[in-house]
C-alpha atoms as a PDB file:
ATOM      1  CA  MET A   1       9.731 -45.120  43.720  1.00  0.00           C
ATOM      2  CA  ILE A   2      11.008 -46.788  40.552  1.00  0.00           C
ATOM      3  CA  ALA A   3       7.507 -46.714  39.061  1.00  0.00           C
ATOM      4  CA  ARG A   4       7.266 -42.983  39.792  1.00  0.00           C
ATOM      5  CA  LYS A   5      10.629 -42.328  38.099  1.00  0.00           C
ATOM      6  CA  ARG A   6       9.514 -44.342  35.078  1.00  0.00           C
ATOM      7  CA  SER A   7       6.264 -42.371  34.939  1.00  0.00           C
ATOM      8  CA  THR A   8       8.161 -39.077  35.114  1.00  0.00           C
ATOM      9  CA  ALA A   9      10.551 -40.215  32.383  1.00  0.00           C
ATOM     10  CA  VAL A  10       7.631 -41.243  30.152  1.00  0.00           C
ATOM     11  CA  LEU A  11       5.951 -37.870  30.689  1.00  0.00           C
ATOM     12  CA  LEU A  12       9.178 -36.035  29.872  1.00  0.00           C
ATOM     13  CA  LEU A  13       9.623 -38.158  26.749  1.00  0.00           C
ATOM     14  CA  VAL A  14       6.054 -37.495  25.615  1.00  0.00           C
ATOM     15  CA  ALA A  15       6.445 -33.758  26.290  1.00  0.00           C
ATOM     16  CA  GLY A  16       9.720 -33.715  24.383  1.00  0.00           C
ATOM     17  CA  LEU A  17       8.178 -35.511  21.428  1.00  0.00           C
ATOM     18  CA  ALA A  18       5.226 -33.106  21.447  1.00  0.00           C
ATOM     19  CA  ILE A  19       7.537 -30.072  21.432  1.00  0.00           C
ATOM     20  CA  ALA A  20       9.641 -31.577  18.660  1.00  0.00           C
ATOM     21  CA  ALA A  21       6.521 -32.307  16.606  1.00  0.00           C
ATOM     22  CA  THR A  22       5.235 -28.760  17.127  1.00  0.00           C
ATOM     23  CA  LEU A  23       8.548 -27.228  16.063  1.00  0.00           C
ATOM     24  CA  ALA A  24       8.722 -29.489  13.021  1.00  0.00           C
ATOM     25  CA  TRP A  25       5.161 -28.554  12.037  1.00  0.00           C
ATOM     26  CA  GLN A  26       5.903 -24.845  12.412  1.00  0.00           C
ATOM     27  CA  ARG A  27       9.033 -25.229  10.288  1.00  0.00           C
ATOM     28  CA  PHE A  28       7.063 -27.208   7.695  1.00  0.00           C
ATOM     29  CA  THR A  29       4.237 -24.642   7.427  1.00  0.00           C
ATOM     30  CA  ALA A  30       6.324 -21.438   7.745  1.00  0.00           C
ATOM     31  CA  GLY A  31       7.295 -21.450   4.066  1.00  0.00           C
ATOM     32  CA  PRO A  32       3.773 -21.901   2.635  1.00  0.00           C
ATOM     33  CA  ILE A  33       2.360 -19.333   5.082  1.00  0.00           C
ATOM     34  CA  ALA A  34       4.995 -16.772   4.059  1.00  0.00           C
ATOM     35  CA  VAL A  35       4.278 -17.443   0.369  1.00  0.00           C
ATOM     36  CA  ALA A  36       0.522 -17.082   0.901  1.00  0.00           C
ATOM     37  CA  SER A  37       1.068 -13.837   2.820  1.00  0.00           C
ATOM     38  CA  ARG A  38       3.205 -12.382   0.005  1.00  0.00           C
ATOM     39  CA  GLN A  39       0.656 -13.438  -2.603  1.00  0.00           C
ATOM     40  CA  TRP A  40      -2.182 -11.822  -0.639  1.00  0.00           C
ATOM     41  CA  GLN A  41      -0.180  -8.594  -0.236  1.00  0.00           C
ATOM     42  CA  GLU A  42       0.642  -8.589  -3.930  1.00  0.00           C
ATOM     43  CA  GLN A  43      -3.038  -9.052  -4.851  1.00  0.00           C
ATOM     44  CA  GLN A  44      -4.042  -6.086  -2.669  1.00  0.00           C
ATOM     45  CA  TRP A  45      -1.353  -3.830  -4.103  1.00  0.00           C
ATOM     46  CA  LEU A  46      -1.878  -4.752  -7.745  1.00  0.00           C
ATOM     47  CA  LYS A  47      -5.580  -3.936  -7.664  1.00  0.00           C
ATOM     48  CA  VAL A  48      -4.506  -0.330  -8.366  1.00  0.00           C
ATOM     49  CA  LEU A  49      -3.279  -1.317 -11.828  1.00  0.00           C
ATOM     50  CA  PRO A  50      -5.630  -1.811 -14.781  1.00  0.00           C
ATOM     51  CA  PRO A  51      -5.790  -5.441 -15.987  1.00  0.00           C
ATOM     52  CA  GLY A  52      -3.316  -6.147 -18.757  1.00  0.00           C
ATOM     53  CA  SER A  53      -1.234  -3.055 -18.001  1.00  0.00           C
ATOM     54  CA  TYR A  54       1.846  -4.965 -16.792  1.00  0.00           C
ATOM     55  CA  ASP A  55       3.611  -8.257 -17.450  1.00  0.00           C
ATOM     56  CA  ASN A  56       6.211  -8.265 -14.673  1.00  0.00           C
ATOM     57  CA  ARG A  57       5.901  -8.680 -10.906  1.00  0.00           C
ATOM     58  CA  PRO A  58       5.977  -5.015  -9.829  1.00  0.00           C
ATOM     59  CA  LEU A  59       6.641  -5.719  -6.152  1.00  0.00           C
ATOM     60  CA  GLN A  60       9.812  -7.543  -7.240  1.00  0.00           C
ATOM     61  CA  THR A  61      10.971  -4.393  -9.059  1.00  0.00           C
ATOM     62  CA  PRO A  62      11.674  -1.808  -6.340  1.00  0.00           C
ATOM     63  CA  VAL A  63      12.647   1.767  -7.123  1.00  0.00           C
ATOM     64  CA  ALA A  64      15.145   3.703  -4.995  1.00  0.00           C
ATOM     65  CA  LEU A  65      13.529   6.820  -3.484  1.00  0.00           C
ATOM     66  CA  THR A  66      15.179   9.994  -2.200  1.00  0.00           C
ATOM     67  CA  ASP A  67      13.765  13.011  -0.328  1.00  0.00           C
ATOM     68  CA  THR A  68      10.783  10.971   0.837  1.00  0.00           C
ATOM     69  CA  LYS A  69       9.490  13.405   3.480  1.00  0.00           C
ATOM     70  CA  LEU A  70       6.867  15.407   1.593  1.00  0.00           C
ATOM     71  CA  SER A  71       4.703  18.418   2.501  1.00  0.00           C
ATOM     72  CA  HIS A  72       1.923  16.462   4.218  1.00  0.00           C
ATOM     73  CA  SER A  73       3.000  12.841   3.919  1.00  0.00           C
ATOM     74  CA  HIS A  74       6.008  10.624   3.403  1.00  0.00           C
ATOM     75  CA  LEU A  75       6.844   7.811   1.014  1.00  0.00           C
ATOM     76  CA  LEU A  76       7.743   4.371   2.296  1.00  0.00           C
ATOM     77  CA  ALA A  77       8.609   2.553  -0.943  1.00  0.00           C
ATOM     78  CA  GLY A  78       8.318   2.603  -4.707  1.00  0.00           C
ATOM     79  CA  TYR A  79       7.913  -0.072  -7.381  1.00  0.00           C
ATOM     80  CA  ARG A  80       7.833  -0.162 -11.164  1.00  0.00           C
ATOM     81  CA  ALA A  81       5.289  -1.956 -13.355  1.00  0.00           C
ATOM     82  CA  ASN A  82       6.495  -2.890 -16.841  1.00  0.00           C
ATOM     83  CA  LEU A  83       4.773  -3.921 -20.038  1.00  0.00           C
ATOM     84  CA  ALA A  84       6.752  -5.261 -23.017  1.00  0.00           C
ATOM     85  CA  GLY A  85       9.977  -3.978 -21.466  1.00  0.00           C
ATOM     86  CA  ALA A  86       8.775  -0.406 -20.882  1.00  0.00           C
ATOM     87  CA  THR A  87       7.546   1.208 -17.657  1.00  0.00           C
ATOM     88  CA  SER A  88       3.740   1.264 -17.624  1.00  0.00           C
ATOM     89  CA  ALA A  89       3.232   2.661 -14.106  1.00  0.00           C
ATOM     90  CA  VAL A  90       5.010   3.536 -10.890  1.00  0.00           C
ATOM     91  CA  LEU A  91       3.540   2.405  -7.567  1.00  0.00           C
ATOM     92  CA  LEU A  92       4.312   4.618  -4.576  1.00  0.00           C
ATOM     93  CA  HIS A  93       3.601   3.574  -0.988  1.00  0.00           C
ATOM     94  CA  SER A  94       2.497   6.677   0.932  1.00  0.00           C
ATOM     95  CA  SER A  95       1.762   7.295   4.608  1.00  0.00           C
ATOM     96  CA  VAL A  96      -0.207  10.292   5.868  1.00  0.00           C
ATOM     97  CA  GLN A  97      -1.602  11.227   9.286  1.00  0.00           C
ATOM     98  CA  GLY A  98      -5.367  10.835   9.398  1.00  0.00           C
ATOM     99  CA  TYR A  99      -7.814  11.486  12.229  1.00  0.00           C
ATOM    100  CA  GLY A 100      -7.101   8.285  14.158  1.00  0.00           C
ATOM    101  CA  GLY A 101      -3.583   7.494  13.020  1.00  0.00           C
ATOM    102  CA  ALA A 102      -1.513   6.783   9.945  1.00  0.00           C
ATOM    103  CA  ILE A 103      -3.260   6.031   6.660  1.00  0.00           C
ATOM    104  CA  GLU A 104      -1.177   4.013   4.206  1.00  0.00           C
ATOM    105  CA  LEU A 105      -1.963   4.172   0.495  1.00  0.00           C
ATOM    106  CA  VAL A 106      -0.599   2.615  -2.657  1.00  0.00           C
ATOM    107  CA  ILE A 107      -0.806   5.130  -5.508  1.00  0.00           C
ATOM    108  CA  ALA A 108      -0.228   4.141  -9.140  1.00  0.00           C
ATOM    109  CA  ILE A 109       0.884   6.797 -11.626  1.00  0.00           C
ATOM    110  CA  SER A 110       1.310   6.443 -15.393  1.00  0.00           C
ATOM    111  CA  PRO A 111       4.495   7.621 -17.174  1.00  0.00           C
ATOM    112  CA  ALA A 112       2.531  10.717 -18.232  1.00  0.00           C
ATOM    113  CA  GLY A 113       1.997  11.635 -14.567  1.00  0.00           C
ATOM    114  CA  ARG A 114      -1.663  10.626 -14.497  1.00  0.00           C
ATOM    115  CA  LEU A 115      -3.199   8.847 -11.479  1.00  0.00           C
ATOM    116  CA  VAL A 116      -4.327   5.395 -12.612  1.00  0.00           C
ATOM    117  CA  GLY A 117      -5.151   3.839  -9.247  1.00  0.00           C
ATOM    118  CA  VAL A 118      -5.229   4.419  -5.496  1.00  0.00           C
ATOM    119  CA  ARG A 119      -5.993   1.980  -2.690  1.00  0.00           C
ATOM    120  CA  VAL A 120      -5.918   2.122   1.102  1.00  0.00           C
ATOM    121  CA  LEU A 121      -3.590  -0.505   2.565  1.00  0.00           C
ATOM    122  CA  LYS A 122      -3.934   0.371   6.270  1.00  0.00           C
ATOM    123  CA  GLN A 123      -5.969   2.843   8.280  1.00  0.00           C
ATOM    124  CA  GLN A 124      -6.828   3.512  11.921  1.00  0.00           C
ATOM    125  CA  GLU A 125      -9.782   5.835  11.471  1.00  0.00           C
ATOM    126  CA  SER A 126     -12.856   5.635  13.684  1.00  0.00           C
ATOM    127  CA  PRO A 127     -15.313   2.831  12.873  1.00  0.00           C
ATOM    128  CA  GLY A 128     -17.704   4.108  10.239  1.00  0.00           C
ATOM    129  CA  LEU A 129     -15.262   6.699   8.929  1.00  0.00           C
ATOM    130  CA  GLY A 130     -12.555   4.208   8.057  1.00  0.00           C
ATOM    131  CA  ASP A 131     -15.136   1.857   6.569  1.00  0.00           C
ATOM    132  CA  GLN A 132     -16.134   4.555   4.096  1.00  0.00           C
ATOM    133  CA  LEU A 133     -12.516   4.934   3.062  1.00  0.00           C
ATOM    134  CA  VAL A 134     -11.837   1.280   2.303  1.00  0.00           C
ATOM    135  CA  ASP A 135     -15.261   0.215   0.993  1.00  0.00           C
ATOM    136  CA  PRO A 136     -14.828  -0.186  -2.790  1.00  0.00           C
ATOM    137  CA  ALA A 137     -18.602   0.069  -3.260  1.00  0.00           C
ATOM    138  CA  ARG A 138     -18.485   3.737  -2.220  1.00  0.00           C
ATOM    139  CA  HIS A 139     -16.115   4.627  -5.087  1.00  0.00           C
ATOM    140  CA  TRP A 140     -14.907   7.716  -3.200  1.00  0.00           C
ATOM    141  CA  LEU A 141     -11.319   7.192  -4.316  1.00  0.00           C
ATOM    142  CA  ASP A 142     -12.425   6.904  -7.955  1.00  0.00           C
ATOM    143  CA  GLN A 143     -12.916  10.678  -8.226  1.00  0.00           C
ATOM    144  CA  PHE A 144      -9.130  11.089  -8.257  1.00  0.00           C
ATOM    145  CA  LEU A 145      -8.467   8.715 -11.161  1.00  0.00           C
ATOM    146  CA  GLY A 146      -7.102  10.401 -14.241  1.00  0.00           C
ATOM    147  CA  GLN A 147      -5.939  13.473 -12.329  1.00  0.00           C
ATOM    148  CA  THR A 148      -2.594  15.136 -12.983  1.00  0.00           C
ATOM    149  CA  LEU A 149      -1.047  18.199 -11.393  1.00  0.00           C
ATOM    150  CA  ARG A 150      -1.082  19.934 -14.756  1.00  0.00           C
ATOM    151  CA  ASP A 151      -4.805  19.356 -15.309  1.00  0.00           C
ATOM    152  CA  THR A 152      -5.891  20.292 -11.794  1.00  0.00           C
ATOM    153  CA  PRO A 153      -4.891  23.747 -10.488  1.00  0.00           C
ATOM    154  CA  GLU A 154      -3.118  23.831  -7.123  1.00  0.00           C
ATOM    155  CA  GLN A 155      -6.041  25.561  -5.404  1.00  0.00           C
ATOM    156  CA  ALA A 156      -8.446  22.886  -6.652  1.00  0.00           C
ATOM    157  CA  TRP A 157      -6.686  20.149  -4.656  1.00  0.00           C
ATOM    158  CA  ALA A 158      -9.095  20.579  -1.756  1.00  0.00           C
ATOM    159  CA  LEU A 159     -12.578  19.634  -0.631  1.00  0.00           C
ATOM    160  CA  LYS A 160     -15.563  21.386  -2.193  1.00  0.00           C
ATOM    161  CA  ARG A 161     -16.336  22.878   1.219  1.00  0.00           C
ATOM    162  CA  ASP A 162     -12.899  24.541   0.968  1.00  0.00           C
ATOM    163  CA  GLN A 163     -13.629  25.798  -2.582  1.00  0.00           C
ATOM    164  CA  GLY A 164     -11.798  22.805  -4.049  1.00  0.00           C
ATOM    165  CA  ALA A 165     -12.765  20.182  -6.615  1.00  0.00           C
ATOM    166  CA  PHE A 166     -13.350  17.049  -4.548  1.00  0.00           C
ATOM    167  CA  ASP A 167     -16.196  15.553  -2.533  1.00  0.00           C
ATOM    168  CA  GLN A 168     -15.495  14.481   1.029  1.00  0.00           C
ATOM    169  CA  LEU A 169     -16.426  11.364   2.949  1.00  0.00           C
ATOM    170  CA  ALA A 170     -19.514  12.019   5.041  1.00  0.00           C
ATOM    171  CA  GLY A 171     -18.489  13.223   8.496  1.00  0.00           C
ATOM    172  CA  ALA A 172     -14.808  12.598   7.799  1.00  0.00           C
ATOM    173  CA  THR A 173     -13.304  15.950   6.878  1.00  0.00           C
ATOM    174  CA  VAL A 174      -9.869  15.294   8.406  1.00  0.00           C
ATOM    175  CA  THR A 175      -9.615  11.879   6.770  1.00  0.00           C
ATOM    176  CA  SER A 176     -10.712  13.237   3.396  1.00  0.00           C
ATOM    177  CA  ARG A 177      -8.208  16.096   3.505  1.00  0.00           C
ATOM    178  CA  ALA A 178      -5.392  13.759   4.508  1.00  0.00           C
ATOM    179  CA  VAL A 179      -5.985  11.441   1.549  1.00  0.00           C
ATOM    180  CA  ILE A 180      -6.221  14.352  -0.914  1.00  0.00           C
ATOM    181  CA  GLU A 181      -2.985  15.847   0.412  1.00  0.00           C
ATOM    182  CA  ALA A 182      -1.199  12.485   0.194  1.00  0.00           C
ATOM    183  CA  ILE A 183      -2.294  12.004  -3.419  1.00  0.00           C
ATOM    184  CA  GLN A 184      -1.257  15.531  -4.358  1.00  0.00           C
ATOM    185  CA  ASP A 185       2.104  15.096  -2.609  1.00  0.00           C
ATOM    186  CA  THR A 186       2.710  11.858  -4.474  1.00  0.00           C
ATOM    187  CA  LEU A 187       1.819  13.276  -7.889  1.00  0.00           C
ATOM    188  CA  ARG A 188       4.121  16.230  -7.236  1.00  0.00           C
ATOM    189  CA  TYR A 189       6.931  13.882  -6.170  1.00  0.00           C
ATOM    190  CA  PHE A 190       6.460  11.883  -9.367  1.00  0.00           C
ATOM    191  CA  ASP A 191       6.709  15.005 -11.516  1.00  0.00           C
ATOM    192  CA  GLN A 192       9.875  16.085  -9.708  1.00  0.00           C
ATOM    193  CA  HIS A 193      11.573  12.660  -9.903  1.00  0.00           C
ATOM    194  CA  ARG A 194      10.102  11.346 -13.146  1.00  0.00           C
ATOM    195  CA  PRO A 195      13.331  10.156 -14.906  1.00  0.00           C
ATOM    196  CA  ALA A 196      14.579   8.203 -11.875  1.00  0.00           C
ATOM    197  CA  LEU A 197      11.173   6.659 -11.174  1.00  0.00           C
ATOM    198  CA  LEU A 198      10.713   5.593 -14.793  1.00  0.00           C
ATOM    199  CA  GLY A 199      14.249   4.241 -15.050  1.00  0.00           C
ATOM    200  CA  GLU A 200      15.153   6.611 -17.846  1.00  0.00           C
ATOM    201  CA  THR A 201      18.832   7.116 -18.647  1.00  0.00           C
ATOM    202  CA  PRO A 202      19.909  10.757 -18.202  1.00  0.00           C
ATOM    203  CA  PRO A 203      21.048  12.423 -21.451  1.00  0.00           C
END
């Protein structure tokens, strides 16, 4: 009986030590894991900015947004990239409904209102369709670079099959339209809120 009690006590002690060790290890690794996660997220986001176009940490420079529900999409967040103390680009986090679910984009716009970068952060499109959207080798998103609302007439912000200016992803009409509408929404929002987004002081 005594031996059994001692055995139970030893097992409880070992289990307790194991739990304590696990909790200590989790506490020890939580910080580095969180840092690595933030760094990875930052790397994904900042791929929309040309190299050498900023010298701050844009994701540490948030911009307050208002009226974020747009015609076809909505904005989740905004950030400002700076170079030599001046705003070099604004990053806007957009969400739009695609074929299979929400598509999240980060869209970078220059102070002149020109699109300098766009990248898909999350998507739930069907296999094959979503792959086309996120595959950098396809360069589908590159056709939008350099666009502004002033340079591209309103009616041209559509697929070529709809008498617009842009190619579509093969077999992914809904997805293609959603991305185009989100980019157009975001450029329009930038034009309408330019001073606030750029941090300019009102006269």
